[in-house]
């Protein structure tokens, strides 16, 4: 019985010590920054010159109305790209909850981009605004 009690105590101590997240806000922010940079690098937006807009596309960054769009080269594996974005969004959500980060925005519904153009060698989102009279 003593052996079982000791074993149970060891598991409890291990669980508590392993689940205790003692990283600082700065360390966690650095991890988020690294994840974001990996998304940008994978998108090829800064490493590949835009000479043909047909080589580029975009996706909504998240389902939220507050979300913007992210441009990426069509040569990238979209499943891997989406997974990187989803992992970043999940980590950002945990960071925000842990550190009490709240965003203020009116989150007005933004129109979707209509196309991409190459401007000064960089892919750029183009929006066509239609006004109704």
Foldseek 3Di string as FASTA:
>chain_A
DVVVVVVVVVVVVVVVVVVDDPDDLVVLVVVLVVLVVVLVVLQCQPPAFDPDQVQKDWDFLDPAQLTDIDMGGPPGDVVVSNVSSVVSVVSVVVSCVVVVPDDDDPSDRDDHFDGWDRDPRGIDTHHDDDDDD
